[in-house]
N, C-alpha and C. Protein backbone atom coordinates (compact mmCIF):
# COMPACT_ATOMS: atom_id res chain seq x y z
N MET A 1 22.72 0.41 -31.83
CA MET A 1 22.69 -0.07 -33.18
C MET A 1 23.27 -1.49 -33.23
N GLY A 2 22.74 -2.28 -34.11
CA GLY A 2 23.25 -3.63 -34.29
C GLY A 2 23.92 -3.77 -35.65
N SER A 3 24.99 -4.48 -35.70
CA SER A 3 25.69 -4.73 -36.95
C SER A 3 26.29 -6.12 -36.91
N PRO A 4 26.12 -6.89 -37.98
CA PRO A 4 26.77 -8.20 -38.05
C PRO A 4 28.29 -8.11 -37.96
N ASN A 5 28.86 -6.92 -38.19
CA ASN A 5 30.30 -6.75 -38.06
C ASN A 5 30.75 -6.89 -36.61
N PHE A 6 29.89 -6.54 -35.66
CA PHE A 6 30.29 -6.47 -34.26
C PHE A 6 29.56 -7.43 -33.34
N ARG A 7 28.48 -8.02 -33.80
CA ARG A 7 27.62 -8.77 -32.89
C ARG A 7 27.23 -10.13 -33.44
N HIS A 8 26.91 -11.03 -32.52
CA HIS A 8 26.30 -12.31 -32.87
C HIS A 8 24.83 -12.16 -32.52
N PRO A 9 23.92 -12.68 -33.34
CA PRO A 9 22.50 -12.47 -33.06
C PRO A 9 22.02 -13.05 -31.72
N VAL A 10 22.61 -14.12 -31.23
CA VAL A 10 22.17 -14.69 -29.96
C VAL A 10 22.47 -13.74 -28.80
N THR A 11 23.67 -13.23 -28.73
CA THR A 11 24.01 -12.31 -27.63
C THR A 11 23.28 -10.98 -27.77
N LEU A 12 23.12 -10.50 -29.01
CA LEU A 12 22.37 -9.26 -29.21
C LEU A 12 20.92 -9.44 -28.77
N ALA A 13 20.30 -10.56 -29.10
CA ALA A 13 18.92 -10.82 -28.69
C ALA A 13 18.80 -10.79 -27.17
N LYS A 14 19.73 -11.42 -26.47
CA LYS A 14 19.67 -11.44 -25.00
C LYS A 14 19.81 -10.02 -24.44
N GLU A 15 20.69 -9.22 -25.01
CA GLU A 15 20.86 -7.83 -24.57
C GLU A 15 19.58 -7.03 -24.83
N LEU A 16 18.99 -7.23 -26.01
CA LEU A 16 17.78 -6.49 -26.36
C LEU A 16 16.60 -6.88 -25.47
N ILE A 17 16.49 -8.16 -25.14
CA ILE A 17 15.41 -8.60 -24.25
C ILE A 17 15.58 -7.98 -22.87
N SER A 18 16.81 -7.87 -22.40
CA SER A 18 17.05 -7.21 -21.10
C SER A 18 16.66 -5.74 -21.16
N LEU A 19 17.10 -5.04 -22.21
CA LEU A 19 16.75 -3.63 -22.35
C LEU A 19 15.25 -3.43 -22.52
N ASP A 20 14.62 -4.33 -23.27
CA ASP A 20 13.18 -4.28 -23.47
C ASP A 20 12.45 -4.42 -22.13
N ASP A 21 12.92 -5.33 -21.29
CA ASP A 21 12.31 -5.55 -19.99
C ASP A 21 12.49 -4.33 -19.09
N ILE A 22 13.71 -3.82 -19.02
CA ILE A 22 14.01 -2.67 -18.16
C ILE A 22 13.21 -1.44 -18.58
N SER A 23 13.03 -1.26 -19.89
CA SER A 23 12.34 -0.07 -20.41
C SER A 23 10.84 -0.28 -20.58
N ASN A 24 10.34 -1.46 -20.18
CA ASN A 24 8.93 -1.80 -20.33
C ASN A 24 8.48 -1.70 -21.79
N GLY A 25 9.33 -2.21 -22.68
CA GLY A 25 8.97 -2.29 -24.09
C GLY A 25 9.27 -1.06 -24.91
N ARG A 26 9.97 -0.10 -24.35
CA ARG A 26 10.26 1.15 -25.07
C ARG A 26 11.70 1.10 -25.61
N ILE A 27 11.91 0.27 -26.60
CA ILE A 27 13.24 0.17 -27.21
C ILE A 27 13.07 0.11 -28.72
N THR A 28 13.94 0.79 -29.41
CA THR A 28 13.97 0.76 -30.86
C THR A 28 15.38 0.37 -31.28
N LEU A 29 15.49 -0.60 -32.18
CA LEU A 29 16.79 -1.07 -32.65
C LEU A 29 17.03 -0.58 -34.07
N GLY A 30 18.18 0.01 -34.28
CA GLY A 30 18.64 0.33 -35.63
C GLY A 30 19.64 -0.73 -36.03
N ILE A 31 19.47 -1.29 -37.20
CA ILE A 31 20.35 -2.38 -37.62
C ILE A 31 20.75 -2.17 -39.07
N GLY A 32 22.01 -2.47 -39.37
CA GLY A 32 22.51 -2.31 -40.73
C GLY A 32 23.60 -3.31 -41.04
N ALA A 33 24.02 -3.34 -42.27
CA ALA A 33 25.02 -4.30 -42.72
C ALA A 33 26.44 -3.86 -42.42
N GLY A 34 26.61 -2.65 -41.91
CA GLY A 34 27.96 -2.14 -41.64
C GLY A 34 28.52 -1.43 -42.87
N GLY A 35 29.55 -0.67 -42.64
CA GLY A 35 30.14 0.11 -43.73
C GLY A 35 31.60 -0.19 -43.92
N ASN A 36 32.25 0.66 -44.70
CA ASN A 36 33.68 0.53 -44.96
C ASN A 36 34.47 1.23 -43.86
N GLY A 37 35.78 1.09 -43.90
CA GLY A 37 36.64 1.77 -42.94
C GLY A 37 36.60 1.11 -41.59
N PHE A 38 36.56 1.93 -40.54
CA PHE A 38 36.61 1.44 -39.16
C PHE A 38 35.58 0.35 -38.90
N ASP A 39 34.36 0.56 -39.37
CA ASP A 39 33.27 -0.39 -39.13
C ASP A 39 33.59 -1.77 -39.70
N ALA A 40 34.34 -1.83 -40.78
CA ALA A 40 34.63 -3.09 -41.44
C ALA A 40 35.94 -3.73 -40.99
N THR A 41 36.78 -2.99 -40.28
CA THR A 41 38.13 -3.51 -40.00
C THR A 41 38.48 -3.62 -38.53
N THR A 42 37.73 -3.04 -37.64
CA THR A 42 38.15 -2.95 -36.25
C THR A 42 38.32 -4.30 -35.56
N LEU A 43 37.58 -5.32 -35.95
CA LEU A 43 37.69 -6.62 -35.29
C LEU A 43 38.47 -7.66 -36.11
N LEU A 44 39.09 -7.23 -37.19
CA LEU A 44 39.83 -8.17 -38.05
C LEU A 44 41.26 -8.38 -37.55
N LYS A 45 41.80 -9.55 -37.85
CA LYS A 45 43.22 -9.79 -37.62
C LYS A 45 44.00 -8.92 -38.59
N SER A 46 45.25 -8.62 -38.26
CA SER A 46 46.02 -7.68 -39.08
C SER A 46 46.22 -8.16 -40.52
N ASP A 47 46.22 -9.47 -40.76
CA ASP A 47 46.44 -9.98 -42.11
C ASP A 47 45.12 -10.32 -42.83
N GLN A 48 44.00 -9.99 -42.21
CA GLN A 48 42.70 -10.34 -42.76
C GLN A 48 42.13 -9.19 -43.59
N GLU A 49 41.55 -9.51 -44.73
CA GLU A 49 40.92 -8.50 -45.59
C GLU A 49 39.52 -8.17 -45.07
N PRO A 50 39.10 -6.90 -45.19
CA PRO A 50 37.74 -6.55 -44.79
C PRO A 50 36.71 -7.29 -45.66
N TRP A 51 35.53 -7.51 -45.10
CA TRP A 51 34.48 -8.14 -45.88
C TRP A 51 34.07 -7.22 -47.03
N THR A 52 33.77 -7.81 -48.14
CA THR A 52 33.28 -7.06 -49.29
C THR A 52 31.83 -6.64 -49.02
N PRO A 53 31.31 -5.69 -49.79
CA PRO A 53 29.90 -5.34 -49.64
C PRO A 53 28.98 -6.56 -49.80
N ARG A 54 29.32 -7.47 -50.70
CA ARG A 54 28.51 -8.68 -50.89
C ARG A 54 28.54 -9.57 -49.64
N GLU A 55 29.73 -9.72 -49.05
CA GLU A 55 29.85 -10.52 -47.83
C GLU A 55 29.05 -9.89 -46.68
N ARG A 56 29.12 -8.57 -46.55
CA ARG A 56 28.35 -7.89 -45.51
C ARG A 56 26.85 -8.06 -45.74
N ALA A 57 26.44 -7.96 -46.99
CA ALA A 57 25.02 -8.14 -47.32
C ALA A 57 24.57 -9.57 -47.03
N ASP A 58 25.41 -10.55 -47.34
CA ASP A 58 25.06 -11.95 -47.06
C ASP A 58 24.93 -12.20 -45.56
N ARG A 59 25.85 -11.65 -44.79
CA ARG A 59 25.77 -11.79 -43.33
C ARG A 59 24.50 -11.12 -42.80
N PHE A 60 24.23 -9.92 -43.29
CA PHE A 60 23.05 -9.19 -42.88
C PHE A 60 21.78 -10.00 -43.21
N GLY A 61 21.78 -10.62 -44.39
CA GLY A 61 20.64 -11.42 -44.82
C GLY A 61 20.37 -12.62 -43.93
N GLU A 62 21.39 -13.14 -43.30
CA GLU A 62 21.21 -14.24 -42.34
C GLU A 62 20.96 -13.72 -40.93
N PHE A 63 21.58 -12.61 -40.59
CA PHE A 63 21.52 -12.03 -39.25
C PHE A 63 20.11 -11.59 -38.88
N VAL A 64 19.45 -10.84 -39.75
CA VAL A 64 18.15 -10.24 -39.43
C VAL A 64 17.07 -11.28 -39.18
N PRO A 65 16.85 -12.26 -40.07
CA PRO A 65 15.81 -13.26 -39.78
C PRO A 65 16.11 -14.08 -38.52
N LEU A 66 17.39 -14.38 -38.28
CA LEU A 66 17.74 -15.13 -37.07
C LEU A 66 17.47 -14.29 -35.83
N LEU A 67 17.84 -13.03 -35.85
CA LEU A 67 17.56 -12.14 -34.72
C LEU A 67 16.06 -12.05 -34.47
N ASP A 68 15.28 -11.93 -35.52
CA ASP A 68 13.83 -11.87 -35.37
C ASP A 68 13.30 -13.13 -34.69
N ARG A 69 13.76 -14.28 -35.12
CA ARG A 69 13.33 -15.54 -34.49
C ARG A 69 13.73 -15.58 -33.02
N LEU A 70 14.94 -15.12 -32.73
CA LEU A 70 15.42 -15.13 -31.35
C LEU A 70 14.58 -14.22 -30.45
N LEU A 71 14.04 -13.17 -31.02
CA LEU A 71 13.24 -12.23 -30.24
C LEU A 71 11.78 -12.64 -30.13
N THR A 72 11.34 -13.56 -30.97
CA THR A 72 9.92 -13.90 -31.00
C THR A 72 9.61 -15.36 -30.67
N GLU A 73 10.60 -16.23 -30.67
CA GLU A 73 10.37 -17.64 -30.38
C GLU A 73 11.03 -18.01 -29.05
N ASP A 74 10.44 -18.99 -28.36
CA ASP A 74 10.99 -19.41 -27.07
C ASP A 74 12.34 -20.11 -27.18
N SER A 75 12.53 -20.91 -28.23
CA SER A 75 13.76 -21.67 -28.41
C SER A 75 14.09 -21.70 -29.90
N VAL A 76 15.36 -21.43 -30.21
CA VAL A 76 15.77 -21.34 -31.62
C VAL A 76 17.04 -22.16 -31.84
N SER A 77 17.00 -22.98 -32.88
CA SER A 77 18.20 -23.65 -33.37
C SER A 77 18.41 -23.22 -34.81
N HIS A 78 19.66 -22.97 -35.15
CA HIS A 78 19.98 -22.46 -36.49
C HIS A 78 21.42 -22.86 -36.81
N ASP A 79 21.63 -23.35 -38.00
CA ASP A 79 22.98 -23.67 -38.48
C ASP A 79 23.14 -23.08 -39.87
N GLY A 80 23.63 -21.84 -39.91
CA GLY A 80 23.74 -21.13 -41.18
C GLY A 80 25.16 -21.04 -41.66
N ASP A 81 25.35 -20.24 -42.68
CA ASP A 81 26.69 -20.03 -43.25
C ASP A 81 27.57 -19.20 -42.32
N PHE A 82 26.95 -18.28 -41.56
CA PHE A 82 27.72 -17.36 -40.73
C PHE A 82 27.44 -17.47 -39.24
N TYR A 83 26.22 -17.86 -38.89
CA TYR A 83 25.80 -17.88 -37.49
C TYR A 83 25.17 -19.22 -37.15
N SER A 84 25.36 -19.63 -35.91
CA SER A 84 24.72 -20.85 -35.44
C SER A 84 24.17 -20.60 -34.04
N ALA A 85 23.15 -21.37 -33.72
CA ALA A 85 22.55 -21.33 -32.39
C ALA A 85 21.95 -22.71 -32.15
N HIS A 86 22.16 -23.22 -30.96
CA HIS A 86 21.61 -24.53 -30.61
C HIS A 86 20.69 -24.37 -29.41
N GLU A 87 19.41 -24.48 -29.67
CA GLU A 87 18.39 -24.35 -28.62
C GLU A 87 18.59 -23.09 -27.77
N ALA A 88 18.82 -21.97 -28.44
CA ALA A 88 18.95 -20.70 -27.73
C ALA A 88 17.59 -20.33 -27.15
N ARG A 89 17.54 -20.17 -25.84
CA ARG A 89 16.28 -19.89 -25.15
C ARG A 89 16.25 -18.44 -24.69
N ASN A 90 15.16 -17.79 -25.01
CA ASN A 90 14.95 -16.40 -24.63
C ASN A 90 13.59 -16.26 -23.95
N ILE A 91 13.50 -16.86 -22.80
CA ILE A 91 12.24 -16.86 -22.06
C ILE A 91 12.39 -15.90 -20.89
N PRO A 92 11.50 -14.98 -20.66
CA PRO A 92 10.13 -14.92 -21.12
C PRO A 92 9.95 -14.19 -22.44
N GLY A 93 11.00 -13.71 -23.07
CA GLY A 93 10.86 -12.99 -24.34
C GLY A 93 10.64 -11.51 -24.13
N CYS A 94 10.28 -10.83 -25.20
CA CYS A 94 10.13 -9.38 -25.18
C CYS A 94 8.79 -8.94 -24.59
N VAL A 95 8.81 -7.78 -23.94
CA VAL A 95 7.59 -7.12 -23.50
C VAL A 95 6.89 -6.58 -24.74
N GLN A 96 7.66 -5.93 -25.60
CA GLN A 96 7.15 -5.34 -26.83
C GLN A 96 6.72 -6.42 -27.80
N ARG A 97 5.56 -6.26 -28.40
CA ARG A 97 5.08 -7.22 -29.40
C ARG A 97 4.87 -6.48 -30.71
N PRO A 98 5.86 -6.55 -31.59
CA PRO A 98 5.74 -5.81 -32.87
C PRO A 98 4.58 -6.31 -33.72
């Protein structure tokens, strides 16, 4: 499963491309905005407040389209509110073609 709470889209894309290659395209990704409790607090500093549902939704809204681009385009640059990528290359890309 992928969650903006735990992952950056560039590293997740590279992991997914590896799994896609090893499995010959037989991979399914479940992705969500994350929840409350452990999912929202495990990577926070002790004095940091958990992200609100709105913040999680905003991150998710940036995460998914960027991940899609990373999985389908040869080179991606992105400078968003939460995530950035500079000429991230994912060649040869996925075996699976959605």
